[in-house]
Amino acid sequence: LDDAVKFDMGAYRSAAEDSKLPVTLRISKTRLFLSAQNEEDPVLLKE
């Protein structure tokens, strides 16, 4: 399991989405964030 990617999860809030919990997924100890793409497209790592 040490080979698995480790993530830090950051929580955000918005008055327009008060019933949901928006989060970011960042690879721990890096500046790389998961970035959503179109359907069936690979998730990108955005610095």
ModelCIF file with pLDDT and N, C-alpha, C, O atoms, coordinates in Angstrom:
data_MODEL
#
_entry.id   MODEL 
#
_entity.id                         1 
_entity.type                       polymer 
_entity.pdbx_number_of_molecules   1 
#
_entity_poly.entity_id                      1 
_entity_poly.type                           'polypeptide(L)' 
_entity_poly.nstd_linkage                   no 
_entity_poly.nstd_monomer                   no 
_entity_poly.pdbx_seq_one_letter_code       LDDAVKFDMGAYRSAAEDSKLPVTLRISKTRLFLSAQNEEDPVLLKE 
_entity_poly.pdbx_seq_one_letter_code_can   LDDAVKFDMGAYRSAAEDSKLPVTLRISKTRLFLSAQNEEDPVLLKE 
_entity_poly.pdbx_strand_id                 A 
#
loop_
_entity_poly_seq.entity_id 
_entity_poly_seq.num 
_entity_poly_seq.mon_id 
_entity_poly_seq.hetero 
1 1  LEU n 
1 2  ASP n 
1 3  ASP n 
1 4  ALA n 
1 5  VAL n 
1 6  LYS n 
1 7  PHE n 
1 8  ASP n 
1 9  MET n 
1 10 GLY n 
1 11 ALA n 
1 12 TYR n 
1 13 ARG n 
1 14 SER n 
1 15 ALA n 
1 16 ALA n 
1 17 GLU n 
1 18 ASP n 
1 19 SER n 
1 20 LYS n 
1 21 LEU n 
1 22 PRO n 
1 23 VAL n 
1 24 THR n 
1 25 LEU n 
1 26 ARG n 
1 27 ILE n 
1 28 SER n 
1 29 LYS n 
1 30 THR n 
1 31 ARG n 
1 32 LEU n 
1 33 PHE n 
1 34 LEU n 
1 35 SER n 
1 36 ALA n 
1 37 GLN n 
1 38 ASN n 
1 39 GLU n 
1 40 GLU n 
1 41 ASP n 
1 42 PRO n 
1 43 VAL n 
1 44 LEU n 
1 45 LEU n 
1 46 LYS n 
1 47 GLU n 
#
_struct_asym.id          A 
_struct_asym.entity_id   1 
#
loop_
_ma_qa_metric.id 
_ma_qa_metric.mode 
_ma_qa_metric.name 
_ma_qa_metric.software_group_id 
_ma_qa_metric.type 
1 global pLDDT . pLDDT 
2 local  pLDDT . pLDDT 
#
_ma_qa_metric_global.metric_id      1 
_ma_qa_metric_global.metric_value   94.34 
_ma_qa_metric_global.model_id       1 
_ma_qa_metric_global.ordinal_id     1 
#
loop_
_ma_qa_metric_local.label_asym_id 
_ma_qa_metric_local.label_comp_id 
_ma_qa_metric_local.label_seq_id 
_ma_qa_metric_local.metric_id 
_ma_qa_metric_local.metric_value 
_ma_qa_metric_local.model_id 
_ma_qa_metric_local.ordinal_id 
A LEU 1  2 85.00 1 1  
A ASP 2  2 88.00 1 2  
A ASP 3  2 91.00 1 3  
A ALA 4  2 95.00 1 4  
A VAL 5  2 97.00 1 5  
A LYS 6  2 97.00 1 6  
A PHE 7  2 98.00 1 7  
A ASP 8  2 98.00 1 8  
A MET 9  2 98.00 1 9  
A GLY 10 2 98.00 1 10 
A ALA 11 2 98.00 1 11 
A TYR 12 2 97.00 1 12 
A ARG 13 2 95.00 1 13 
A SER 14 2 91.00 1 14 
A ALA 15 2 82.00 1 15 
A ALA 16 2 81.00 1 16 
A GLU 17 2 75.00 1 17 
A ASP 18 2 77.00 1 18 
A SER 19 2 86.00 1 19 
A LYS 20 2 91.00 1 20 
A LEU 21 2 96.00 1 21 
A PRO 22 2 97.00 1 22 
A VAL 23 2 98.00 1 23 
A THR 24 2 98.00 1 24 
A LEU 25 2 98.00 1 25 
A ARG 26 2 98.00 1 26 
A ILE 27 2 97.00 1 27 
A SER 28 2 97.00 1 28 
A LYS 29 2 95.00 1 29 
A THR 30 2 96.00 1 30 
A ARG 31 2 96.00 1 31 
A LEU 32 2 97.00 1 32 
A PHE 33 2 98.00 1 33 
A LEU 34 2 98.00 1 34 
A SER 35 2 97.00 1 35 
A ALA 36 2 97.00 1 36 
A GLN 37 2 96.00 1 37 
A ASN 38 2 97.00 1 38 
A GLU 39 2 97.00 1 39 
A GLU 40 2 96.00 1 40 
A ASP 41 2 97.00 1 41 
A PRO 42 2 97.00 1 42 
A VAL 43 2 98.00 1 43 
A LEU 44 2 96.00 1 44 
A LEU 45 2 97.00 1 45 
A LYS 46 2 96.00 1 46 
A GLU 47 2 96.00 1 47 
#
loop_
_atom_site.group_PDB 
_atom_site.id 
_atom_site.type_symbol 
_atom_site.label_atom_id 
_atom_site.label_alt_id 
_atom_site.label_comp_id 
_atom_site.label_asym_id 
_atom_site.label_entity_id 
_atom_site.label_seq_id 
_atom_site.pdbx_PDB_ins_code 
_atom_site.Cartn_x 
_atom_site.Cartn_y 
_atom_site.Cartn_z 
_atom_site.occupancy 
_atom_site.B_iso_or_equiv 
_atom_site.pdbx_formal_charge 
_atom_site.auth_seq_id 
_atom_site.auth_comp_id 
_atom_site.auth_asym_id 
_atom_site.auth_atom_id 
_atom_site.pdbx_PDB_model_num 
ATOM 1   N N  . LEU A 1 1  ? 0.811   -1.218 0.000   1.00 85.00 ? 1  LEU A N  1 
ATOM 2   C CA . LEU A 1 1  ? 0.000   0.000  0.000   1.00 85.00 ? 1  LEU A CA 1 
ATOM 3   C C  . LEU A 1 1  ? 0.845   1.268  0.000   1.00 85.00 ? 1  LEU A C  1 
ATOM 4   O O  . LEU A 1 1  ? 0.331   2.359  -0.250  1.00 85.00 ? 1  LEU A O  1 
ATOM 5   N N  . ASP A 1 2  ? 2.144   1.127  0.282   1.00 88.00 ? 2  ASP A N  1 
ATOM 6   C CA . ASP A 1 2  ? 3.012   2.305  0.221   1.00 88.00 ? 2  ASP A CA 1 
ATOM 7   C C  . ASP A 1 2  ? 3.149   2.816  -1.204  1.00 88.00 ? 2  ASP A C  1 
ATOM 8   O O  . ASP A 1 2  ? 3.540   3.963  -1.423  1.00 88.00 ? 2  ASP A O  1 
ATOM 9   N N  . ASP A 1 3  ? 2.822   1.950  -2.189  1.00 91.00 ? 3  ASP A N  1 
ATOM 10  C CA . ASP A 1 3  ? 2.907   2.361  -3.587  1.00 91.00 ? 3  ASP A CA 1 
ATOM 11  C C  . ASP A 1 3  ? 1.671   3.147  -4.030  1.00 91.00 ? 3  ASP A C  1 
ATOM 12  O O  . ASP A 1 3  ? 1.659   3.740  -5.109  1.00 91.00 ? 3  ASP A O  1 
ATOM 13  N N  . ALA A 1 4  ? 0.651   3.146  -3.206  1.00 95.00 ? 4  ALA A N  1 
ATOM 14  C CA . ALA A 1 4  ? -0.576  3.875  -3.552  1.00 95.00 ? 4  ALA A CA 1 
ATOM 15  C C  . ALA A 1 4  ? -0.366  5.377  -3.389  1.00 95.00 ? 4  ALA A C  1 
ATOM 16  O O  . ALA A 1 4  ? 0.422   5.821  -2.555  1.00 95.00 ? 4  ALA A O  1 
ATOM 17  N N  . VAL A 1 5  ? -1.085  6.150  -4.204  1.00 97.00 ? 5  VAL A N  1 
ATOM 18  C CA . VAL A 1 5  ? -1.011  7.604  -4.103  1.00 97.00 ? 5  VAL A CA 1 
ATOM 19  C C  . VAL A 1 5  ? -1.686  8.055  -2.811  1.00 97.00 ? 5  VAL A C  1 
ATOM 20  O O  . VAL A 1 5  ? -2.763  7.572  -2.462  1.00 97.00 ? 5  VAL A O  1 
ATOM 21  N N  . LYS A 1 6  ? -1.058  8.964  -2.122  1.00 97.00 ? 6  LYS A N  1 
ATOM 22  C CA . LYS A 1 6  ? -1.636  9.545  -0.901  1.00 97.00 ? 6  LYS A CA 1 
ATOM 23  C C  . LYS A 1 6  ? -2.239  10.911 -1.249  1.00 97.00 ? 6  LYS A C  1 
ATOM 24  O O  . LYS A 1 6  ? -1.642  11.710 -1.972  1.00 97.00 ? 6  LYS A O  1 
ATOM 25  N N  . PHE A 1 7  ? -3.422  11.149 -0.720  1.00 98.00 ? 7  PHE A N  1 
ATOM 26  C CA . PHE A 1 7  ? -4.135  12.391 -1.023  1.00 98.00 ? 7  PHE A CA 1 
ATOM 27  C C  . PHE A 1 7  ? -4.389  13.204 0.238   1.00 98.00 ? 7  PHE A C  1 
ATOM 28  O O  . PHE A 1 7  ? -4.631  12.656 1.314   1.00 98.00 ? 7  PHE A O  1 
ATOM 29  N N  . ASP A 1 8  ? -4.328  14.538 0.081   1.00 98.00 ? 8  ASP A N  1 
ATOM 30  C CA . ASP A 1 8  ? -4.847  15.461 1.090   1.00 98.00 ? 8  ASP A CA 1 
ATOM 31  C C  . ASP A 1 8  ? -6.156  16.023 0.557   1.00 98.00 ? 8  ASP A C  1 
ATOM 32  O O  . ASP A 1 8  ? -6.235  16.449 -0.595  1.00 98.00 ? 8  ASP A O  1 
ATOM 33  N N  . MET A 1 9  ? -7.174  16.022 1.396   1.00 98.00 ? 9  MET A N  1 
ATOM 34  C CA . MET A 1 9  ? -8.497  16.485 0.981   1.00 98.00 ? 9  MET A CA 1 
ATOM 35  C C  . MET A 1 9  ? -8.797  17.839 1.621   1.00 98.00 ? 9  MET A C  1 
ATOM 36  O O  . MET A 1 9  ? -8.867  17.959 2.844   1.00 98.00 ? 9  MET A O  1 
ATOM 37  N N  . GLY A 1 10 ? -8.974  18.855 0.775   1.00 98.00 ? 10 GLY A N  1 
ATOM 38  C CA . GLY A 1 10 ? -9.289  20.194 1.264   1.00 98.00 ? 10 GLY A CA 1 
ATOM 39  C C  . GLY A 1 10 ? -10.770 20.494 1.131   1.00 98.00 ? 10 GLY A C  1 
ATOM 40  O O  . GLY A 1 10 ? -11.351 20.259 0.071   1.00 98.00 ? 10 GLY A O  1 
ATOM 41  N N  . ALA A 1 11 ? -11.394 21.008 2.185   1.00 98.00 ? 11 ALA A N  1 
ATOM 42  C CA . ALA A 1 11 ? -12.830 21.288 2.198   1.00 98.00 ? 11 ALA A CA 1 
ATOM 43  C C  . ALA A 1 11 ? -13.102 22.758 1.891   1.00 98.00 ? 11 ALA A C  1 
ATOM 44  O O  . ALA A 1 11 ? -12.387 23.646 2.355   1.00 98.00 ? 11 ALA A O  1 
ATOM 45  N N  . TYR A 1 12 ? -14.141 22.995 1.106   1.00 97.00 ? 12 TYR A N  1 
ATOM 46  C CA . TYR A 1 12 ? -14.564 24.339 0.736   1.00 97.00 ? 12 TYR A CA 1 
ATOM 47  C C  . TYR A 1 12 ? -16.040 24.517 1.092   1.00 97.00 ? 12 TYR A C  1 
ATOM 48  O O  . TYR A 1 12 ? -16.741 23.556 1.406   1.00 97.00 ? 12 TYR A O  1 
ATOM 49  N N  . ARG A 1 13 ? -16.486 25.757 1.035   1.00 95.00 ? 13 ARG A N  1 
ATOM 50  C CA . ARG A 1 13 ? -17.898 26.035 1.287   1.00 95.00 ? 13 ARG A CA 1 
ATOM 51  C C  . ARG A 1 13 ? -18.374 27.147 0.363   1.00 95.00 ? 13 ARG A C  1 
ATOM 52  O O  . ARG A 1 13 ? -17.600 27.987 -0.097  1.00 95.00 ? 13 ARG A O  1 
ATOM 53  N N  . SER A 1 14 ? -19.685 27.118 0.108   1.00 91.00 ? 14 SER A N  1 
ATOM 54  C CA . SER A 1 14 ? -20.303 28.138 -0.737  1.00 91.00 ? 14 SER A CA 1 
ATOM 55  C C  . SER A 1 14 ? -21.732 28.342 -0.277  1.00 91.00 ? 14 SER A C  1 
ATOM 56  O O  . SER A 1 14 ? -22.434 27.387 0.056   1.00 91.00 ? 14 SER A O  1 
ATOM 57  N N  . ALA A 1 15 ? -22.161 29.618 -0.263  1.00 82.00 ? 15 ALA A N  1 
ATOM 58  C CA . ALA A 1 15 ? -23.537 29.917 0.134   1.00 82.00 ? 15 ALA A CA 1 
ATOM 59  C C  . ALA A 1 15 ? -24.547 29.298 -0.824  1.00 82.00 ? 15 ALA A C  1 
ATOM 60  O O  . ALA A 1 15 ? -25.669 28.977 -0.433  1.00 82.00 ? 15 ALA A O  1 
ATOM 61  N N  . ALA A 1 16 ? -24.141 29.130 -2.086  1.00 81.00 ? 16 ALA A N  1 
ATOM 62  C CA . ALA A 1 16 ? -25.042 28.571 -3.087  1.00 81.00 ? 16 ALA A CA 1 
ATOM 63  C C  . ALA A 1 16 ? -25.140 27.055 -2.994  1.00 81.00 ? 16 ALA A C  1 
ATOM 64  O O  . ALA A 1 16 ? -26.082 26.470 -3.529  1.00 81.00 ? 16 ALA A O  1 
ATOM 65  N N  . GLU A 1 17 ? -24.188 26.405 -2.324  1.00 75.00 ? 17 GLU A N  1 
ATOM 66  C CA . GLU A 1 17 ? -24.169 24.946 -2.209  1.00 75.00 ? 17 GLU A CA 1 
ATOM 67  C C  . GLU A 1 17 ? -24.009 24.549 -0.750  1.00 75.00 ? 17 GLU A C  1 
ATOM 68  O O  . GLU A 1 17 ? -23.125 23.759 -0.418  1.00 75.00 ? 17 GLU A O  1 
ATOM 69  N N  . ASP A 1 18 ? -24.852 25.085 0.123   1.00 77.00 ? 18 ASP A N  1 
ATOM 70  C CA . ASP A 1 18 ? -24.675 24.870 1.554   1.00 77.00 ? 18 ASP A CA 1 
ATOM 71  C C  . ASP A 1 18 ? -25.009 23.449 1.996   1.00 77.00 ? 18 ASP A C  1 
ATOM 72  O O  . ASP A 1 18 ? -24.655 23.052 3.106   1.00 77.00 ? 18 ASP A O  1 
ATOM 73  N N  . SER A 1 19 ? -25.693 22.667 1.136   1.00 86.00 ? 19 SER A N  1 
ATOM 74  C CA . SER A 1 19 ? -26.050 21.297 1.502   1.00 86.00 ? 19 SER A CA 1 
ATOM 75  C C  . SER A 1 19 ? -25.029 20.281 0.996   1.00 86.00 ? 19 SER A C  1 
ATOM 76  O O  . SER A 1 19 ? -25.176 19.085 1.246   1.00 86.00 ? 19 SER A O  1 
ATOM 77  N N  . LYS A 1 20 ? -23.993 20.742 0.284   1.00 91.00 ? 20 LYS A N  1 
ATOM 78  C CA . LYS A 1 20 ? -22.987 19.845 -0.267  1.00 91.00 ? 20 LYS A CA 1 
ATOM 79  C C  . LYS A 1 20 ? -21.610 20.230 0.253   1.00 91.00 ? 20 LYS A C  1 
ATOM 80  O O  . LYS A 1 20 ? -21.396 21.338 0.745   1.00 91.00 ? 20 LYS A O  1 
ATOM 81  N N  . LEU A 1 21 ? -20.681 19.282 0.130   1.00 96.00 ? 21 LEU A N  1 
ATOM 82  C CA . LEU A 1 21 ? -19.322 19.535 0.601   1.00 96.00 ? 21 LEU A CA 1 
ATOM 83  C C  . LEU A 1 21 ? -18.354 19.453 -0.578  1.00 96.00 ? 21 LEU A C  1 
ATOM 84  O O  . LEU A 1 21 ? -17.967 18.357 -0.984  1.00 96.00 ? 21 LEU A O  1 
ATOM 85  N N  . PRO A 1 22 ? -17.960 20.602 -1.130  1.00 97.00 ? 22 PRO A N  1 
ATOM 86  C CA . PRO A 1 22 ? -16.959 20.594 -2.204  1.00 97.00 ? 22 PRO A CA 1 
ATOM 87  C C  . PRO A 1 22 ? -15.563 20.368 -1.619  1.00 97.00 ? 22 PRO A C  1 
ATOM 88  O O  . PRO A 1 22 ? -15.206 20.950 -0.595  1.00 97.00 ? 22 PRO A O  1 
ATOM 89  N N  . VAL A 1 23 ? -14.779 19.514 -2.284  1.00 98.00 ? 23 VAL A N  1 
ATOM 90  C CA . VAL A 1 23 ? -13.427 19.225 -1.811  1.00 98.00 ? 23 VAL A CA 1 
ATOM 91  C C  . VAL A 1 23 ? -12.458 19.219 -2.988  1.00 98.00 ? 23 VAL A C  1 
ATOM 92  O O  . VAL A 1 23 ? -12.853 19.044 -4.141  1.00 98.00 ? 23 VAL A O  1 
ATOM 93  N N  . THR A 1 24 ? -11.195 19.411 -2.672  1.00 98.00 ? 24 THR A N  1 
ATOM 94  C CA . THR A 1 24 ? -10.125 19.185 -3.639  1.00 98.00 ? 24 THR A CA 1 
ATOM 95  C C  . THR A 1 24 ? -9.350  17.952 -3.196  1.00 98.00 ? 24 THR A C  1 
ATOM 96  O O  . THR A 1 24 ? -9.286  17.635 -2.008  1.00 98.00 ? 24 THR A O  1 
ATOM 97  N N  . LEU A 1 25 ? -8.759  17.258 -4.178  1.00 98.00 ? 25 LEU A N  1 
ATOM 98  C CA . LEU A 1 25 ? -7.900  16.114 -3.898  1.00 98.00 ? 25 LEU A CA 1 
ATOM 99  C C  . LEU A 1 25 ? -6.509  16.448 -4.435  1.00 98.00 ? 25 LEU A C  1 
ATOM 100 O O  . LEU A 1 25 ? -6.290  16.519 -5.644  1.00 98.00 ? 25 LEU A O  1 
ATOM 101 N N  . ARG A 1 26 ? -5.585  16.647 -3.510  1.00 98.00 ? 26 ARG A N  1 
ATOM 102 C CA . ARG A 1 26 ? -4.209  16.988 -3.879  1.00 98.00 ? 26 ARG A CA 1 
ATOM 103 C C  . ARG A 1 26 ? -3.301  15.836 -3.484  1.00 98.00 ? 26 ARG A C  1 
ATOM 104 O O  . ARG A 1 26 ? -3.420  15.293 -2.386  1.00 98.00 ? 26 ARG A O  1 
ATOM 105 N N  . ILE A 1 27 ? -2.394  15.463 -4.377  1.00 97.00 ? 27 ILE A N  1 
ATOM 106 C CA . ILE A 1 27 ? -1.419  14.439 -4.014  1.00 97.00 ? 27 ILE A CA 1 
ATOM 107 C C  . ILE A 1 27 ? -0.525  15.001 -2.907  1.00 97.00 ? 27 ILE A C  1 
ATOM 108 O O  . ILE A 1 27 ? 0.073   16.067 -3.053  1.00 97.00 ? 27 ILE A O  1 
ATOM 109 N N  . SER A 1 28 ? -0.450  14.278 -1.823  1.00 97.00 ? 28 SER A N  1 
ATOM 110 C CA . SER A 1 28 ? 0.271   14.753 -0.633  1.00 97.00 ? 28 SER A CA 1 
ATOM 111 C C  . SER A 1 28 ? 1.709   15.127 -0.969  1.00 97.00 ? 28 SER A C  1 
ATOM 112 O O  . SER A 1 28 ? 2.380   14.450 -1.748  1.00 97.00 ? 28 SER A O  1 
ATOM 113 N N  . LYS A 1 29 ? 2.167   16.219 -0.364  1.00 95.00 ? 29 LYS A N  1 
ATOM 114 C CA . LYS A 1 29 ? 3.519   16.727 -0.493  1.00 95.00 ? 29 LYS A CA 1 
ATOM 115 C C  . LYS A 1 29 ? 3.869   17.131 -1.929  1.00 95.00 ? 29 LYS A C  1 
ATOM 116 O O  . LYS A 1 29 ? 5.040   17.152 -2.310  1.00 95.00 ? 29 LYS A O  1 
ATOM 117 N N  . THR A 1 30 ? 2.852   17.446 -2.705  1.00 96.00 ? 30 THR A N  1 
ATOM 118 C CA . THR A 1 30 ? 3.059   17.960 -4.067  1.00 96.00 ? 30 THR A CA 1 
ATOM 119 C C  . THR A 1 30 ? 2.119   19.141 -4.285  1.00 96.00 ? 30 THR A C  1 
ATOM 120 O O  . THR A 1 30 ? 1.357   19.522 -3.396  1.00 96.00 ? 30 THR A O  1 
ATOM 121 N N  . ARG A 1 31 ? 2.191   19.720 -5.504  1.00 96.00 ? 31 ARG A N  1 
ATOM 122 C CA . ARG A 1 31 ? 1.276   20.791 -5.898  1.00 96.00 ? 31 ARG A CA 1 
ATOM 123 C C  . ARG A 1 31 ? 0.287   20.308 -6.950  1.00 96.00 ? 31 ARG A C  1 
ATOM 124 O O  . ARG A 1 31 ? -0.300  21.116 -7.670  1.00 96.00 ? 31 ARG A O  1 
ATOM 125 N N  . LEU A 1 32 ? 0.101   18.996 -7.040  1.00 97.00 ? 32 LEU A N  1 
ATOM 126 C CA . LEU A 1 32 ? -0.732  18.393 -8.074  1.00 97.00 ? 32 LEU A CA 1 
ATOM 127 C C  . LEU A 1 32 ? -2.142  18.116 -7.562  1.00 97.00 ? 32 LEU A C  1 
ATOM 128 O O  . LEU A 1 32 ? -2.331  17.368 -6.603  1.00 97.00 ? 32 LEU A O  1 
ATOM 129 N N  . PHE A 1 33 ? -3.123  18.727 -8.211  1.00 98.00 ? 33 PHE A N  1 
ATOM 130 C CA . PHE A 1 33 ? -4.535  18.554 -7.862  1.00 98.00 ? 33 PHE A CA 1 
ATOM 131 C C  . PHE A 1 33 ? -5.237  17.750 -8.948  1.00 98.00 ? 33 PHE A C  1 
ATOM 132 O O  . PHE A 1 33 ? -4.943  17.909 -10.133 1.00 98.00 ? 33 PHE A O  1 
ATOM 133 N N  . LEU A 1 34 ? -6.163  16.888 -8.545  1.00 98.00 ? 34 LEU A N  1 
ATOM 134 C CA . LEU A 1 34 ? -6.977  16.177 -9.520  1.00 98.00 ? 34 LEU A CA 1 
ATOM 135 C C  . LEU A 1 34 ? -7.885  17.176 -10.226 1.00 98.00 ? 34 LEU A C  1 
ATOM 136 O O  . LEU A 1 34 ? -8.503  18.029 -9.588  1.00 98.00 ? 34 LEU A O  1 
ATOM 137 N N  . SER A 1 35 ? -7.958  17.060 -11.546 1.00 97.00 ? 35 SER A N  1 
ATOM 138 C CA . SER A 1 35 ? -8.752  17.998 -12.347 1.00 97.00 ? 35 SER A CA 1 
ATOM 139 C C  . SER A 1 35 ? -9.701  17.216 -13.255 1.00 97.00 ? 35 SER A C  1 
ATOM 140 O O  . SER A 1 35 ? -9.260  16.403 -14.068 1.00 97.00 ? 35 SER A O  1 
ATOM 141 N N  . ALA A 1 36 ? -10.996 17.462 -13.116 1.00 97.00 ? 36 ALA A N  1 
ATOM 142 C CA . ALA A 1 36 ? -12.018 16.748 -13.894 1.00 97.00 ? 36 ALA A CA 1 
ATOM 143 C C  . ALA A 1 36 ? -11.979 17.153 -15.360 1.00 97.00 ? 36 ALA A C  1 
ATOM 144 O O  . ALA A 1 36 ? -11.720 18.309 -15.696 1.00 97.00 ? 36 ALA A O  1 
ATOM 145 N N  . GLN A 1 37 ? -12.241 16.172 -16.230 1.00 96.00 ? 37 GLN A N  1 
ATOM 146 C CA . GLN A 1 37 ? -12.308 16.407 -17.669 1.00 96.00 ? 37 GLN A CA 1 
ATOM 147 C C  . GLN A 1 37 ? -13.677 15.958 -18.175 1.00 96.00 ? 37 GLN A C  1 
ATOM 148 O O  . GLN A 1 37 ? -14.598 15.760 -17.382 1.00 96.00 ? 37 GLN A O  1 
ATOM 149 N N  . ASN A 1 38 ? -13.810 15.800 -19.474 1.00 97.00 ? 38 ASN A N  1 
ATOM 150 C CA . ASN A 1 38 ? -15.067 15.358 -20.053 1.00 97.00 ? 38 ASN A CA 1 
ATOM 151 C C  . ASN A 1 38 ? -15.274 13.864 -19.808 1.00 97.00 ? 38 ASN A C  1 
ATOM 152 O O  . ASN A 1 38 ? -14.375 13.164 -19.342 1.00 97.00 ? 38 ASN A O  1 
ATOM 153 N N  . GLU A 1 39 ? -16.468 13.400 -20.128 1.00 97.00 ? 39 GLU A N  1 
ATOM 154 C CA . GLU A 1 39 ? -16.811 12.004 -19.901 1.00 97.00 ? 39 GLU A CA 1 
ATOM 155 C C  . GLU A 1 39 ? -15.848 11.074 -20.629 1.00 97.00 ? 39 GLU A C  1 
ATOM 156 O O  . GLU A 1 39 ? -15.533 11.277 -21.802 1.00 97.00 ? 39 GLU A O  1 
ATOM 157 N N  . GLU A 1 40 ? -15.385 10.048 -19.913 1.00 96.00 ? 40 GLU A N  1 
ATOM 158 C CA . GLU A 1 40 ? -14.449 9.029  -20.405 1.00 96.00 ? 40 GLU A CA 1 
ATOM 159 C C  . GLU A 1 40 ? -13.018 9.543  -20.563 1.00 96.00 ? 40 GLU A C  1 
ATOM 160 O O  . GLU A 1 40 ? -12.118 8.755  -20.853 1.00 96.00 ? 40 GLU A O  1 
ATOM 161 N N  . ASP A 1 41 ? -12.790 10.825 -20.383 1.00 97.00 ? 41 ASP A N  1 
ATOM 162 C CA . ASP A 1 41 ? -11.432 11.355 -20.464 1.00 97.00 ? 41 ASP A CA 1 
ATOM 163 C C  . ASP A 1 41 ? -10.693 11.130 -19.142 1.00 97.00 ? 41 ASP A C  1 
ATOM 164 O O  . ASP A 1 41 ? -11.306 11.196 -18.077 1.00 97.00 ? 41 ASP A O  1 
ATOM 165 N N  . PRO A 1 42 ? -9.387  10.867 -19.199 1.00 97.00 ? 42 PRO A N  1 
ATOM 166 C CA . PRO A 1 42 ? -8.634  10.656 -17.957 1.00 97.00 ? 42 PRO A CA 1 
ATOM 167 C C  . PRO A 1 42 ? -8.619  11.910 -17.089 1.00 97.00 ? 42 PRO A C  1 
ATOM 168 O O  . PRO A 1 42 ? -8.574  13.032 -17.592 1.00 97.00 ? 42 PRO A O  1 
ATOM 169 N N  . VAL A 1 43 ? -8.657  11.697 -15.785 1.00 98.00 ? 43 VAL A N  1 
ATOM 170 C CA . VAL A 1 43 ? -8.493  12.797 -14.842 1.00 98.00 ? 43 VAL A CA 1 
ATOM 171 C C  . VAL A 1 43 ? -7.061  13.312 -14.952 1.00 98.00 ? 43 VAL A C  1 
ATOM 172 O O  . VAL A 1 43 ? -6.113  12.526 -14.943 1.00 98.00 ? 43 VAL A O  1 
ATOM 173 N N  . LEU A 1 44 ? -6.906  14.620 -15.053 1.00 96.00 ? 44 LEU A N  1 
ATOM 174 C CA . LEU A 1 44 ? -5.577  15.212 -15.170 1.00 96.00 ? 44 LEU A CA 1 
ATOM 175 C C  . LEU A 1 44 ? -5.027  15.602 -13.801 1.00 96.00 ? 44 LEU A C  1 
ATOM 176 O O  . LEU A 1 44 ? -5.769  15.772 -12.833 1.00 96.00 ? 44 LEU A O  1 
ATOM 177 N N  . LEU A 1 45 ? -3.712  15.737 -13.753 1.00 97.00 ? 45 LEU A N  1 
ATOM 178 C CA . LEU A 1 45 ? -3.048  16.267 -12.572 1.00 97.00 ? 45 LEU A CA 1 
ATOM 179 C C  . LEU A 1 45 ? -2.643  17.701 -12.890 1.00 97.00 ? 45 LEU A C  1 
ATOM 180 O O  . LEU A 1 45 ? -1.784  17.943 -13.738 1.00 97.00 ? 45 LEU A O  1 
ATOM 181 N N  . LYS A 1 46 ? -3.269  18.639 -12.205 1.00 96.00 ? 46 LYS A N  1 
ATOM 182 C CA . LYS A 1 46 ? -3.056  20.060 -12.474 1.00 96.00 ? 46 LYS A CA 1 
ATOM 183 C C  . LYS A 1 46 ? -2.159  20.651 -11.390 1.00 96.00 ? 46 LYS A C  1 
ATOM 184 O O  . LYS A 1 46 ? -2.454  20.539 -10.200 1.00 96.00 ? 46 LYS A O  1 
ATOM 185 N N  . GLU A 1 47 ? -1.067  21.276 -11.809 1.00 96.00 ? 47 GLU A N  1 
ATOM 186 C CA . GLU A 1 47 ? -0.140  21.861 -10.845 1.00 96.00 ? 47 GLU A CA 1 
ATOM 187 C C  . GLU A 1 47 ? -0.577  23.273 -10.472 1.00 96.00 ? 47 GLU A C  1 
ATOM 188 O O  . GLU A 1 47 ? 0.083   23.932 -9.668  1.00 96.00 ? 47 GLU A O  1 
#
